[in-house]
Amino acid sequence: QVQLLESGGRLVQAGGSLRLSCAASGRTFSTYAMAWFRQAPGKEREFVARITWSGGSTYYADSVKGRFTISRDNAKNTVYLQMNSLKPEDTAVYYCSARGTPNYWGQGTQVTVSS
């Protein structure tokens, strides 16, 4: 089992940057692909970014490509989401997820981008 704890969300102005962190417990963290999702008020949860277990490959939603970067440090059991050039439409609760059967989820961290 994997437990996930996100941090780093806060209020930021449009054009600003944030780095989210997701700390994982469990010795098997390095075997999981990890992903970030987000959910805005009144909307469904949507995919943001994914990284393979080794960190060798990354994937992004079109809406964040070129602005967000996902990375991981398996020695620290942590996955990151660097978010640059933030827009008001990036406002959401951001969740990290360990992808497997089942998928594991954190409790989320709020990101609010003011215009």
PDB file of N, CA and C in Angstrom:
ATOM      1  N   GLN A   1       0.831  -1.196   0.000  1.00  0.00           N
ATOM      2  CA  GLN A   1       0.000   0.000   0.000  1.00  0.00           C
ATOM      3  C   GLN A   1       0.869   1.250   0.000  1.00  0.00           C
ATOM      4  N   VAL A   2       0.377   2.297  -0.650  1.00  0.00           N
ATOM      5  CA  VAL A   2       1.104   3.555  -0.755  1.00  0.00           C
ATOM      6  C   VAL A   2       0.228   4.663  -0.189  1.00  0.00           C
ATOM      7  N   GLN A   3       0.799   5.472   0.689  1.00  0.00           N
ATOM      8  CA  GLN A   3       0.104   6.655   1.189  1.00  0.00           C
ATOM      9  C   GLN A   3       0.784   7.891   0.623  1.00  0.00           C
ATOM     10  N   LEU A   4      -0.029   8.838   0.190  1.00  0.00           N
ATOM     11  CA  LEU A   4       0.474  10.011  -0.511  1.00  0.00           C
ATOM     12  C   LEU A   4       0.042  11.283   0.188  1.00  0.00           C
ATOM     13  N   LEU A   5       0.942  12.252   0.280  1.00  0.00           N
ATOM     14  CA  LEU A   5       0.640  13.524   0.919  1.00  0.00           C
ATOM     15  C   LEU A   5       1.169  14.656   0.055  1.00  0.00           C
ATOM     16  N   GLU A   6       0.230  15.431  -0.508  1.00  0.00           N
ATOM     17  CA  GLU A   6       0.607  16.559  -1.345  1.00  0.00           C
ATOM     18  C   GLU A   6       0.840  17.805  -0.496  1.00  0.00           C
ATOM     19  N   SER A   7       1.668  18.702  -1.005  1.00  0.00           N
ATOM     20  CA  SER A   7       1.897  19.987  -0.360  1.00  0.00           C
ATOM     21  C   SER A   7       2.347  20.994  -1.414  1.00  0.00           C
ATOM     22  N   GLY A   8       2.326  22.272  -1.018  1.00  0.00           N
ATOM     23  CA  GLY A   8       2.841  23.321  -1.898  1.00  0.00           C
ATOM     24  C   GLY A   8       1.781  24.195  -2.535  1.00  0.00           C
ATOM     25  N   GLY A   9       0.527  23.825  -2.421  1.00  0.00           N
ATOM     26  CA  GLY A   9      -0.517  24.643  -3.014  1.00  0.00           C
ATOM     27  C   GLY A   9      -0.747  25.921  -2.228  1.00  0.00           C
ATOM     28  N   ARG A  10      -1.055  26.984  -2.942  1.00  0.00           N
ATOM     29  CA  ARG A  10      -1.361  28.271  -2.303  1.00  0.00           C
ATOM     30  C   ARG A  10      -1.949  29.216  -3.329  1.00  0.00           C
ATOM     31  N   LEU A  11      -2.220  30.434  -2.911  1.00  0.00           N
ATOM     32  CA  LEU A  11      -2.696  31.493  -3.795  1.00  0.00           C
ATOM     33  C   LEU A  11      -1.498  32.133  -4.498  1.00  0.00           C
ATOM     34  N   VAL A  12      -1.597  32.276  -5.802  1.00  0.00           N
ATOM     35  CA  VAL A  12      -0.523  32.874  -6.587  1.00  0.00           C
ATOM     36  C   VAL A  12      -1.142  33.723  -7.695  1.00  0.00           C
ATOM     37  N   GLN A  13      -0.440  34.761  -8.113  1.00  0.00           N
ATOM     38  CA  GLN A  13      -0.933  35.600  -9.194  1.00  0.00           C
ATOM     39  C   GLN A  13      -0.691  34.955 -10.556  1.00  0.00           C
ATOM     40  N   ALA A  14      -1.517  35.299 -11.503  1.00  0.00           N
ATOM     41  CA  ALA A  14      -1.339  34.810 -12.862  1.00  0.00           C
ATOM     42  C   ALA A  14       0.062  35.162 -13.350  1.00  0.00           C
ATOM     43  N   GLY A  15       0.676  34.208 -14.027  1.00  0.00           N
ATOM     44  CA  GLY A  15       2.038  34.383 -14.494  1.00  0.00           C
ATOM     45  C   GLY A  15       3.084  33.876 -13.523  1.00  0.00           C
ATOM     46  N   GLY A  16       2.674  33.566 -12.327  1.00  0.00           N
ATOM     47  CA  GLY A  16       3.595  33.096 -11.309  1.00  0.00           C
ATOM     48  C   GLY A  16       3.885  31.607 -11.423  1.00  0.00           C
ATOM     49  N   SER A  17       4.661  31.123 -10.448  1.00  0.00           N
ATOM     50  CA  SER A  17       5.094  29.726 -10.440  1.00  0.00           C
ATOM     51  C   SER A  17       4.837  29.103  -9.078  1.00  0.00           C
ATOM     52  N   LEU A  18       4.655  27.800  -9.092  1.00  0.00           N
ATOM     53  CA  LEU A  18       4.536  27.012  -7.875  1.00  0.00           C
ATOM     54  C   LEU A  18       5.180  25.666  -8.121  1.00  0.00           C
ATOM     55  N   ARG A  19       5.674  25.057  -7.043  1.00  0.00           N
ATOM     56  CA  ARG A  19       6.114  23.675  -7.123  1.00  0.00           C
ATOM     57  C   ARG A  19       5.332  22.865  -6.099  1.00  0.00           C
ATOM     58  N   LEU A  20       4.610  21.891  -6.587  1.00  0.00           N
ATOM     59  CA  LEU A  20       3.894  20.963  -5.716  1.00  0.00           C
ATOM     60  C   LEU A  20       4.782  19.758  -5.444  1.00  0.00           C
ATOM     61  N   SER A  21       4.639  19.228  -4.240  1.00  0.00           N
ATOM     62  CA  SER A  21       5.346  18.012  -3.861  1.00  0.00           C
ATOM     63  C   SER A  21       4.343  16.958  -3.416  1.00  0.00           C
ATOM     64  N   CYS A  22       4.711  15.723  -3.619  1.00  0.00           N
ATOM     65  CA  CYS A  22       3.887  14.609  -3.166  1.00  0.00           C
ATOM     66  C   CYS A  22       4.825  13.586  -2.530  1.00  0.00           C
ATOM     67  N   ALA A  23       4.734  13.483  -1.216  1.00  0.00           N
ATOM     68  CA  ALA A  23       5.580  12.549  -0.478  1.00  0.00           C
ATOM     69  C   ALA A  23       4.843  11.233  -0.310  1.00  0.00           C
ATOM     70  N   ALA A  24       5.529  10.146  -0.603  1.00  0.00           N
ATOM     71  CA  ALA A  24       4.917   8.819  -0.542  1.00  0.00           C
ATOM     72  C   ALA A  24       5.553   7.985   0.553  1.00  0.00           C
ATOM     73  N   SER A  25       4.720   7.188   1.187  1.00  0.00           N
ATOM     74  CA  SER A  25       5.227   6.214   2.135  1.00  0.00           C
ATOM     75  C   SER A  25       5.219   4.849   1.466  1.00  0.00           C
ATOM     76  N   GLY A  26       6.017   3.965   1.960  1.00  0.00           N
ATOM     77  CA  GLY A  26       6.026   2.626   1.388  1.00  0.00           C
ATOM     78  C   GLY A  26       7.286   2.358   0.601  1.00  0.00           C
ATOM     79  N   ARG A  27       7.771   1.161   0.706  1.00  0.00           N
ATOM     80  CA  ARG A  27       9.045   0.811   0.070  1.00  0.00           C
ATOM     81  C   ARG A  27       8.910   0.591  -1.422  1.00  0.00           C
ATOM     82  N   THR A  28       7.660   0.528  -1.935  1.00  0.00           N
ATOM     83  CA  THR A  28       7.481   0.205  -3.343  1.00  0.00           C
ATOM     84  C   THR A  28       7.245   1.422  -4.211  1.00  0.00           C
ATOM     85  N   PHE A  29       7.466   2.629  -3.663  1.00  0.00           N
ATOM     86  CA  PHE A  29       7.203   3.859  -4.429  1.00  0.00           C
ATOM     87  C   PHE A  29       7.891   3.825  -5.778  1.00  0.00           C
ATOM     88  N   SER A  30       9.114   3.384  -5.821  1.00  0.00           N
ATOM     89  CA  SER A  30       9.899   3.459  -7.059  1.00  0.00           C
ATOM     90  C   SER A  30       9.379   2.524  -8.136  1.00  0.00           C
ATOM     91  N   THR A  31       8.463   1.630  -7.796  1.00  0.00           N
ATOM     92  CA  THR A  31       7.921   0.723  -8.805  1.00  0.00           C
ATOM     93  C   THR A  31       6.660   1.273  -9.473  1.00  0.00           C
ATOM     94  N   TYR A  32       6.161   2.405  -8.970  1.00  0.00           N
ATOM     95  CA  TYR A  32       4.910   2.956  -9.482  1.00  0.00           C
ATOM     96  C   TYR A  32       5.159   4.098 -10.465  1.00  0.00           C
ATOM     97  N   ALA A  33       4.422   4.091 -11.565  1.00  0.00           N
ATOM     98  CA  ALA A  33       4.273   5.327 -12.318  1.00  0.00           C
ATOM     99  C   ALA A  33       3.455   6.270 -11.446  1.00  0.00           C
ATOM    100  N   MET A  34       3.763   7.549 -11.550  1.00  0.00           N
ATOM    101  CA  MET A  34       3.071   8.548 -10.741  1.00  0.00           C
ATOM    102  C   MET A  34       2.423   9.587 -11.649  1.00  0.00           C
ATOM    103  N   ALA A  35       1.353  10.161 -11.182  1.00  0.00           N
ATOM    104  CA  ALA A  35       0.644  11.145 -11.995  1.00  0.00           C
ATOM    105  C   ALA A  35       0.067  12.248 -11.113  1.00  0.00           C
ATOM    106  N   TRP A  36      -0.173  13.366 -11.751  1.00  0.00           N
ATOM    107  CA  TRP A  36      -0.905  14.474 -11.134  1.00  0.00           C
ATOM    108  C   TRP A  36      -2.221  14.650 -11.886  1.00  0.00           C
ATOM    109  N   PHE A  37      -3.269  14.852 -11.119  1.00  0.00           N
ATOM    110  CA  PHE A  37      -4.578  15.187 -11.649  1.00  0.00           C
ATOM    111  C   PHE A  37      -5.031  16.479 -10.965  1.00  0.00           C
ATOM    112  N   ARG A  38      -6.081  17.076 -11.492  1.00  0.00           N
ATOM    113  CA  ARG A  38      -6.642  18.245 -10.836  1.00  0.00           C
ATOM    114  C   ARG A  38      -8.155  18.258 -11.022  1.00  0.00           C
ATOM    115  N   GLN A  39      -8.810  18.937 -10.087  1.00  0.00           N
ATOM    116  CA  GLN A  39     -10.259  19.058 -10.153  1.00  0.00           C
ATOM    117  C   GLN A  39     -10.656  20.470  -9.773  1.00  0.00           C
ATOM    118  N   ALA A  40     -11.242  21.169 -10.738  1.00  0.00           N
ATOM    119  CA  ALA A  40     -11.751  22.514 -10.514  1.00  0.00           C
ATOM    120  C   ALA A  40     -13.189  22.427 -10.014  1.00  0.00           C
ATOM    121  N   PRO A  41     -13.670  23.460  -9.343  1.00  0.00           N
ATOM    122  CA  PRO A  41     -15.043  23.442  -8.833  1.00  0.00           C
ATOM    123  C   PRO A  41     -16.052  23.189  -9.951  1.00  0.00           C
ATOM    124  N   GLY A  42     -16.938  22.238  -9.730  1.00  0.00           N
ATOM    125  CA  GLY A  42     -17.987  21.945 -10.695  1.00  0.00           C
ATOM    126  C   GLY A  42     -17.537  21.156 -11.906  1.00  0.00           C
ATOM    127  N   LYS A  43     -16.271  20.721 -11.899  1.00  0.00           N
ATOM    128  CA  LYS A  43     -15.749  19.974 -13.037  1.00  0.00           C
ATOM    129  C   LYS A  43     -15.256  18.600 -12.607  1.00  0.00           C
ATOM    130  N   GLU A  44     -15.090  17.728 -13.582  1.00  0.00           N
ATOM    131  CA  GLU A  44     -14.555  16.401 -13.298  1.00  0.00           C
ATOM    132  C   GLU A  44     -13.039  16.471 -13.101  1.00  0.00           C
ATOM    133  N   ARG A  45     -12.534  15.493 -12.381  1.00  0.00           N
ATOM    134  CA  ARG A  45     -11.087  15.395 -12.210  1.00  0.00           C
ATOM    135  C   ARG A  45     -10.455  15.124 -13.563  1.00  0.00           C
ATOM    136  N   GLU A  46      -9.351  15.815 -13.847  1.00  0.00           N
ATOM    137  CA  GLU A  46      -8.701  15.654 -15.151  1.00  0.00           C
ATOM    138  C   GLU A  46      -7.212  15.373 -14.988  1.00  0.00           C
ATOM    139  N   PHE A  47      -6.692  14.673 -15.960  1.00  0.00           N
ATOM    140  CA  PHE A  47      -5.269  14.322 -15.994  1.00  0.00           C
ATOM    141  C   PHE A  47      -4.424  15.565 -16.258  1.00  0.00           C
ATOM    142  N   VAL A  48      -3.310  15.665 -15.568  1.00  0.00           N
ATOM    143  CA  VAL A  48      -2.373  16.770 -15.773  1.00  0.00           C
ATOM    144  C   VAL A  48      -1.041  16.269 -16.326  1.00  0.00           C
ATOM    145  N   ALA A  49      -0.425  15.320 -15.631  1.00  0.00           N
ATOM    146  CA  ALA A  49       0.903  14.857 -16.032  1.00  0.00           C
ATOM    147  C   ALA A  49       1.167  13.484 -15.431  1.00  0.00           C
ATOM    148  N   ARG A  50       2.081  12.762 -16.082  1.00  0.00           N
ATOM    149  CA  ARG A  50       2.431  11.412 -15.631  1.00  0.00           C
ATOM    150  C   ARG A  50       3.914  11.202 -15.841  1.00  0.00           C
ATOM    151  N   ILE A  51       4.513  10.381 -14.979  1.00  0.00           N
ATOM    152  CA  ILE A  51       5.927  10.045 -15.112  1.00  0.00           C
ATOM    153  C   ILE A  51       6.087   8.566 -14.840  1.00  0.00           C
ATOM    154  N   THR A  52       6.926   7.904 -15.627  1.00  0.00           N
ATOM    155  CA  THR A  52       7.157   6.482 -15.442  1.00  0.00           C
ATOM    156  C   THR A  52       7.950   6.212 -14.166  1.00  0.00           C
ATOM    157  N   TRP A  53       8.033   4.928 -13.786  1.00  0.00           N
ATOM    158  CA  TRP A  53       8.668   4.594 -12.516  1.00  0.00           C
ATOM    159  C   TRP A  53      10.119   5.046 -12.471  1.00  0.00           C
ATOM    160  N   SER A  54      10.786   5.014 -13.601  1.00  0.00           N
ATOM    161  CA  SER A  54      12.202   5.390 -13.642  1.00  0.00           C
ATOM    162  C   SER A  54      12.404   6.885 -13.835  1.00  0.00           C
ATOM    163  N   GLY A  55      11.342   7.581 -14.213  1.00  0.00           N
ATOM    164  CA  GLY A  55      11.475   8.991 -14.558  1.00  0.00           C
ATOM    165  C   GLY A  55      11.918   9.209 -15.996  1.00  0.00           C
ATOM    166  N   GLY A  56      12.022   8.126 -16.745  1.00  0.00           N
ATOM    167  CA  GLY A  56      12.545   8.236 -18.088  1.00  0.00           C
ATOM    168  C   GLY A  56      11.578   8.811 -19.112  1.00  0.00           C
ATOM    169  N   SER A  57      10.310   8.727 -18.815  1.00  0.00           N
ATOM    170  CA  SER A  57       9.302   9.253 -19.751  1.00  0.00           C
ATOM    171  C   SER A  57       8.252  10.054 -18.989  1.00  0.00           C
ATOM    172  N   THR A  58       7.826  11.123 -19.628  1.00  0.00           N
ATOM    173  CA  THR A  58       6.793  11.978 -19.045  1.00  0.00           C
ATOM    174  C   THR A  58       5.714  12.274 -20.085  1.00  0.00           C
ATOM    175  N   TYR A  59       4.525  12.556 -19.598  1.00  0.00           N
ATOM    176  CA  TYR A  59       3.382  12.823 -20.466  1.00  0.00           C
ATOM    177  C   TYR A  59       2.588  13.967 -19.841  1.00  0.00           C
ATOM    178  N   TYR A  60       2.004  14.801 -20.716  1.00  0.00           N
ATOM    179  CA  TYR A  60       1.295  15.970 -20.223  1.00  0.00           C
ATOM    180  C   TYR A  60      -0.026  16.182 -20.957  1.00  0.00           C
ATOM    181  N   ALA A  61      -0.963  16.751 -20.243  1.00  0.00           N
ATOM    182  CA  ALA A  61      -2.168  17.234 -20.902  1.00  0.00           C
ATOM    183  C   ALA A  61      -1.798  18.415 -21.796  1.00  0.00           C
ATOM    184  N   ASP A  62      -2.514  18.550 -22.890  1.00  0.00           N
ATOM    185  CA  ASP A  62      -2.217  19.647 -23.820  1.00  0.00           C
ATOM    186  C   ASP A  62      -2.313  21.003 -23.130  1.00  0.00           C
ATOM    187  N   SER A  63      -3.209  21.110 -22.165  1.00  0.00           N
ATOM    188  CA  SER A  63      -3.456  22.397 -21.512  1.00  0.00           C
ATOM    189  C   SER A  63      -2.279  22.870 -20.665  1.00  0.00           C
ATOM    190  N   VAL A  64      -1.367  21.966 -20.299  1.00  0.00           N
ATOM    191  CA  VAL A  64      -0.245  22.353 -19.434  1.00  0.00           C
ATOM    192  C   VAL A  64       1.111  22.139 -20.108  1.00  0.00           C
ATOM    193  N   LYS A  65       1.114  21.549 -21.287  1.00  0.00           N
ATOM    194  CA  LYS A  65       2.356  21.230 -21.970  1.00  0.00           C
ATOM    195  C   LYS A  65       3.162  22.510 -22.208  1.00  0.00           C
ATOM    196  N   GLY A  66       4.439  22.446 -21.859  1.00  0.00           N
ATOM    197  CA  GLY A  66       5.302  23.604 -22.024  1.00  0.00           C
ATOM    198  C   GLY A  66       5.322  24.533 -20.822  1.00  0.00           C
ATOM    199  N   ARG A  67       4.383  24.332 -19.893  1.00  0.00           N
ATOM    200  CA  ARG A  67       4.342  25.176 -18.697  1.00  0.00           C
ATOM    201  C   ARG A  67       4.609  24.376 -17.413  1.00  0.00           C
ATOM    202  N   PHE A  68       4.186  23.130 -17.389  1.00  0.00           N
ATOM    203  CA  PHE A  68       4.337  22.281 -16.200  1.00  0.00           C
ATOM    204  C   PHE A  68       5.406  21.219 -16.464  1.00  0.00           C
ATOM    205  N   THR A  69       6.102  20.827 -15.411  1.00  0.00           N
ATOM    206  CA  THR A  69       7.098  19.763 -15.502  1.00  0.00           C
ATOM    207  C   THR A  69       6.934  18.810 -14.324  1.00  0.00           C
ATOM    208  N   ILE A  70       6.774  17.536 -14.617  1.00  0.00           N
ATOM    209  CA  ILE A  70       6.688  16.515 -13.576  1.00  0.00           C
ATOM    210  C   ILE A  70       8.063  15.870 -13.438  1.00  0.00           C
ATOM    211  N   SER A  71       8.434  15.584 -12.195  1.00  0.00           N
ATOM    212  CA  SER A  71       9.706  14.920 -11.940  1.00  0.00           C
ATOM    213  C   SER A  71       9.562  14.089 -10.672  1.00  0.00           C
ATOM    214  N   ARG A  72      10.537  13.252 -10.409  1.00  0.00           N
ATOM    215  CA  ARG A  72      10.496  12.426  -9.221  1.00  0.00           C
ATOM    216  C   ARG A  72      11.896  12.185  -8.688  1.00  0.00           C
ATOM    217  N   ASP A  73      11.950  11.927  -7.397  1.00  0.00           N
ATOM    218  CA  ASP A  73      13.195  11.570  -6.730  1.00  0.00           C
ATOM    219  C   ASP A  73      12.890  10.298  -5.950  1.00  0.00           C
ATOM    220  N   ASN A  74      13.265   9.161  -6.503  1.00  0.00           N
ATOM    221  CA  ASN A  74      12.921   7.890  -5.867  1.00  0.00           C
ATOM    222  C   ASN A  74      13.661   7.691  -4.544  1.00  0.00           C
ATOM    223  N   ALA A  75      14.800   8.319  -4.396  1.00  0.00           N
ATOM    224  CA  ALA A  75      15.529   8.220  -3.132  1.00  0.00           C
ATOM    225  C   ALA A  75      14.777   8.931  -2.002  1.00  0.00           C
ATOM    226  N   LYS A  76      13.984   9.927  -2.378  1.00  0.00           N
ATOM    227  CA  LYS A  76      13.211  10.690  -1.389  1.00  0.00           C
ATOM    228  C   LYS A  76      11.736  10.312  -1.392  1.00  0.00           C
ATOM    229  N   ASN A  77      11.367   9.338  -2.212  1.00  0.00           N
ATOM    230  CA  ASN A  77       9.960   8.927  -2.316  1.00  0.00           C
ATOM    231  C   ASN A  77       9.047  10.120  -2.587  1.00  0.00           C
ATOM    232  N   THR A  78       9.451  10.966  -3.499  1.00  0.00           N
ATOM    233  CA  THR A  78       8.709  12.201  -3.748  1.00  0.00           C
ATOM    234  C   THR A  78       8.566  12.451  -5.247  1.00  0.00           C
ATOM    235  N   VAL A  79       7.409  12.924  -5.623  1.00  0.00           N
ATOM    236  CA  VAL A  79       7.160  13.370  -6.995  1.00  0.00           C
ATOM    237  C   VAL A  79       6.798  14.853  -6.933  1.00  0.00           C
ATOM    238  N   TYR A  80       7.202  15.578  -7.956  1.00  0.00           N
ATOM    239  CA  TYR A  80       7.029  17.023  -7.987  1.00  0.00           C
ATOM    240  C   TYR A  80       6.241  17.445  -9.222  1.00  0.00           C
ATOM    241  N   LEU A  81       5.624  18.601  -9.115  1.00  0.00           N
ATOM    242  CA  LEU A  81       5.008  19.234 -10.271  1.00  0.00           C
ATOM    243  C   LEU A  81       5.407  20.707 -10.250  1.00  0.00           C
ATOM    244  N   GLN A  82       6.314  21.065 -11.142  1.00  0.00           N
ATOM    245  CA  GLN A  82       6.711  22.463 -11.294  1.00  0.00           C
ATOM    246  C   GLN A  82       5.740  23.136 -12.248  1.00  0.00           C
ATOM    247  N   MET A  83       5.104  24.187 -11.787  1.00  0.00           N
ATOM    248  CA  MET A  83       4.086  24.868 -12.585  1.00  0.00           C
ATOM    249  C   MET A  83       4.529  26.309 -12.829  1.00  0.00           C
ATOM    250  N   ASN A  84       4.722  26.653 -14.076  1.00  0.00           N
ATOM    251  CA  ASN A  84       5.144  27.994 -14.470  1.00  0.00           C
ATOM    252  C   ASN A  84       4.053  28.649 -15.307  1.00  0.00           C
ATOM    253  N   SER A  85       4.149  29.947 -15.434  1.00  0.00           N
ATOM    254  CA  SER A  85       3.196  30.710 -16.259  1.00  0.00           C
ATOM    255  C   SER A  85       1.758  30.346 -15.924  1.00  0.00           C
ATOM    256  N   LEU A  86       1.463  30.354 -14.643  1.00  0.00           N
ATOM    257  CA  LEU A  86       0.146  29.924 -14.194  1.00  0.00           C
ATOM    258  C   LEU A  86      -0.950  30.846 -14.697  1.00  0.00           C
ATOM    259  N   LYS A  87      -2.099  30.232 -14.964  1.00  0.00           N
ATOM    260  CA  LYS A  87      -3.275  30.944 -15.468  1.00  0.00           C
ATOM    261  C   LYS A  87      -4.434  30.748 -14.493  1.00  0.00           C
ATOM    262  N   PRO A  88      -5.390  31.652 -14.500  1.00  0.00           N
ATOM    263  CA  PRO A  88      -6.557  31.465 -13.613  1.00  0.00           C
ATOM    264  C   PRO A  88      -7.247  30.120 -13.832  1.00  0.00           C
ATOM    265  N   GLU A  89      -7.232  29.624 -15.059  1.00  0.00           N
ATOM    266  CA  GLU A  89      -7.878  28.341 -15.337  1.00  0.00           C
ATOM    267  C   GLU A  89      -7.114  27.152 -14.776  1.00  0.00           C
ATOM    268  N   ASP A  90      -5.947  27.380 -14.214  1.00  0.00           N
ATOM    269  CA  ASP A  90      -5.217  26.318 -13.513  1.00  0.00           C
ATOM    270  C   ASP A  90      -5.709  26.153 -12.076  1.00  0.00           C
ATOM    271  N   THR A  91      -6.588  27.028 -11.640  1.00  0.00           N
ATOM    272  CA  THR A  91      -7.132  26.929 -10.289  1.00  0.00           C
ATOM    273  C   THR A  91      -7.874  25.618 -10.103  1.00  0.00           C
ATOM    274  N   ALA A  92      -7.474  24.855  -9.085  1.00  0.00           N
ATOM    275  CA  ALA A  92      -8.049  23.530  -8.850  1.00  0.00           C
ATOM    276  C   ALA A  92      -7.423  22.931  -7.598  1.00  0.00           C
ATOM    277  N   VAL A  93      -8.003  21.834  -7.156  1.00  0.00           N
ATOM    278  CA  VAL A  93      -7.338  20.974  -6.188  1.00  0.00           C
ATOM    279  C   VAL A  93      -6.487  19.989  -6.981  1.00  0.00           C
ATOM    280  N   TYR A  94      -5.221  19.910  -6.643  1.00  0.00           N
ATOM    281  CA  TYR A  94      -4.289  19.038  -7.346  1.00  0.00           C
ATOM    282  C   TYR A  94      -4.042  17.785  -6.509  1.00  0.00           C
ATOM    283  N   TYR A  95      -4.153  16.639  -7.177  1.00  0.00           N
ATOM    284  CA  TYR A  95      -3.988  15.349  -6.531  1.00  0.00           C
ATOM    285  C   TYR A  95      -2.833  14.592  -7.178  1.00  0.00           C
ATOM    286  N   CYS A  96      -2.037  13.936  -6.361  1.00  0.00           N
ATOM    287  CA  CYS A  96      -1.084  12.999  -6.944  1.00  0.00           C
ATOM    288  C   CYS A  96      -1.642  11.592  -6.800  1.00  0.00           C
ATOM    289  N   SER A  97      -1.195  10.719  -7.660  1.00  0.00           N
ATOM    290  CA  SER A  97      -1.715   9.362  -7.718  1.00  0.00           C
ATOM    291  C   SER A  97      -0.611   8.399  -8.083  1.00  0.00           C
ATOM    292  N   ALA A  98      -0.549   7.302  -7.370  1.00  0.00           N
ATOM    293  CA  ALA A  98       0.317   6.179  -7.728  1.00  0.00           C
ATOM    294  C   ALA A  98      -0.505   5.241  -8.601  1.00  0.00           C
ATOM    295  N   ARG A  99      -0.024   5.019  -9.804  1.00  0.00           N
ATOM    296  CA  ARG A  99      -0.816   4.297 -10.802  1.00  0.00           C
ATOM    297  C   ARG A  99      -0.543   2.807 -10.731  1.00  0.00           C
ATOM    298  N   GLY A 100      -1.582   2.085 -10.435  1.00  0.00           N
ATOM    299  CA  GLY A 100      -1.460   0.640 -10.332  1.00  0.00           C
ATOM    300  C   GLY A 100      -2.832   0.027 -10.160  1.00  0.00           C
ATOM    301  N   THR A 101      -2.854  -1.159  -9.603  1.00  0.00           N
ATOM    302  CA  THR A 101      -4.122  -1.823  -9.332  1.00  0.00           C
ATOM    303  C   THR A 101      -4.171  -2.173  -7.855  1.00  0.00           C
ATOM    304  N   PRO A 102      -4.818  -1.389  -7.026  1.00  0.00           N
ATOM    305  CA  PRO A 102      -5.588  -0.200  -7.380  1.00  0.00           C
ATOM    306  C   PRO A 102      -4.701   1.026  -7.548  1.00  0.00           C
ATOM    307  N   ASN A 103      -5.289   2.131  -7.991  1.00  0.00           N
ATOM    308  CA  ASN A 103      -4.598   3.409  -7.969  1.00  0.00           C
ATOM    309  C   ASN A 103      -4.682   3.977  -6.545  1.00  0.00           C
ATOM    310  N   TYR A 104      -3.643   4.661  -6.124  1.00  0.00           N
ATOM    311  CA  TYR A 104      -3.653   5.322  -4.827  1.00  0.00           C
ATOM    312  C   TYR A 104      -3.705   6.823  -5.039  1.00  0.00           C
ATOM    313  N   TRP A 105      -4.393   7.513  -4.107  1.00  0.00           N
ATOM    314  CA  TRP A 105      -4.586   8.955  -4.239  1.00  0.00           C
ATOM    315  C   TRP A 105      -4.211   9.666  -2.944  1.00  0.00           C
ATOM    316  N   GLY A 106      -3.708  10.878  -3.093  1.00  0.00           N
ATOM    317  CA  GLY A 106      -3.528  11.748  -1.949  1.00  0.00           C
ATOM    318  C   GLY A 106      -4.802  12.528  -1.670  1.00  0.00           C
ATOM    319  N   GLN A 107      -4.725  13.397  -0.662  1.00  0.00           N
ATOM    320  CA  GLN A 107      -5.923  14.148  -0.255  1.00  0.00           C
ATOM    321  C   GLN A 107      -6.077  15.448  -1.028  1.00  0.00           C
ATOM    322  N   GLY A 108      -5.043  15.840  -1.750  1.00  0.00           N
ATOM    323  CA  GLY A 108      -5.115  17.029  -2.590  1.00  0.00           C
ATOM    324  C   GLY A 108      -4.554  18.272  -1.935  1.00  0.00           C
ATOM    325  N   THR A 109      -4.139  19.219  -2.771  1.00  0.00           N
ATOM    326  CA  THR A 109      -3.662  20.513  -2.304  1.00  0.00           C
ATOM    327  C   THR A 109      -4.257  21.592  -3.214  1.00  0.00           C
ATOM    328  N   GLN A 110      -4.739  22.677  -2.614  1.00  0.00           N
ATOM    329  CA  GLN A 110      -5.451  23.710  -3.355  1.00  0.00           C
ATOM    330  C   GLN A 110      -4.476  24.682  -4.007  1.00  0.00           C
ATOM    331  N   VAL A 111      -4.664  24.883  -5.292  1.00  0.00           N
ATOM    332  CA  VAL A 111      -3.932  25.906  -6.037  1.00  0.00           C
ATOM    333  C   VAL A 111      -4.945  26.921  -6.545  1.00  0.00           C
ATOM    334  N   THR A 112      -4.731  28.180  -6.200  1.00  0.00           N
ATOM    335  CA  THR A 112      -5.607  29.241  -6.654  1.00  0.00           C
ATOM    336  C   THR A 112      -4.780  30.289  -7.377  1.00  0.00           C
ATOM    337  N   VAL A 113      -5.152  30.564  -8.622  1.00  0.00           N
ATOM    338  CA  VAL A 113      -4.429  31.542  -9.435  1.00  0.00           C
ATOM    339  C   VAL A 113      -5.334  32.741  -9.654  1.00  0.00           C
ATOM    340  N   SER A 114      -4.909  33.885  -9.158  1.00  0.00           N
ATOM    341  CA  SER A 114      -5.706  35.101  -9.289  1.00  0.00           C
ATOM    342  C   SER A 114      -5.319  35.864 -10.544  1.00  0.00           C
ATOM    343  N   SER A 115      -6.290  36.521 -11.133  1.00  0.00           N
ATOM    344  CA  SER A 115      -6.034  37.269 -12.377  1.00  0.00           C
ATOM    345  C   SER A 115      -5.608  38.702 -12.078  1.00  0.00           C
TER     346      SER A 115
END
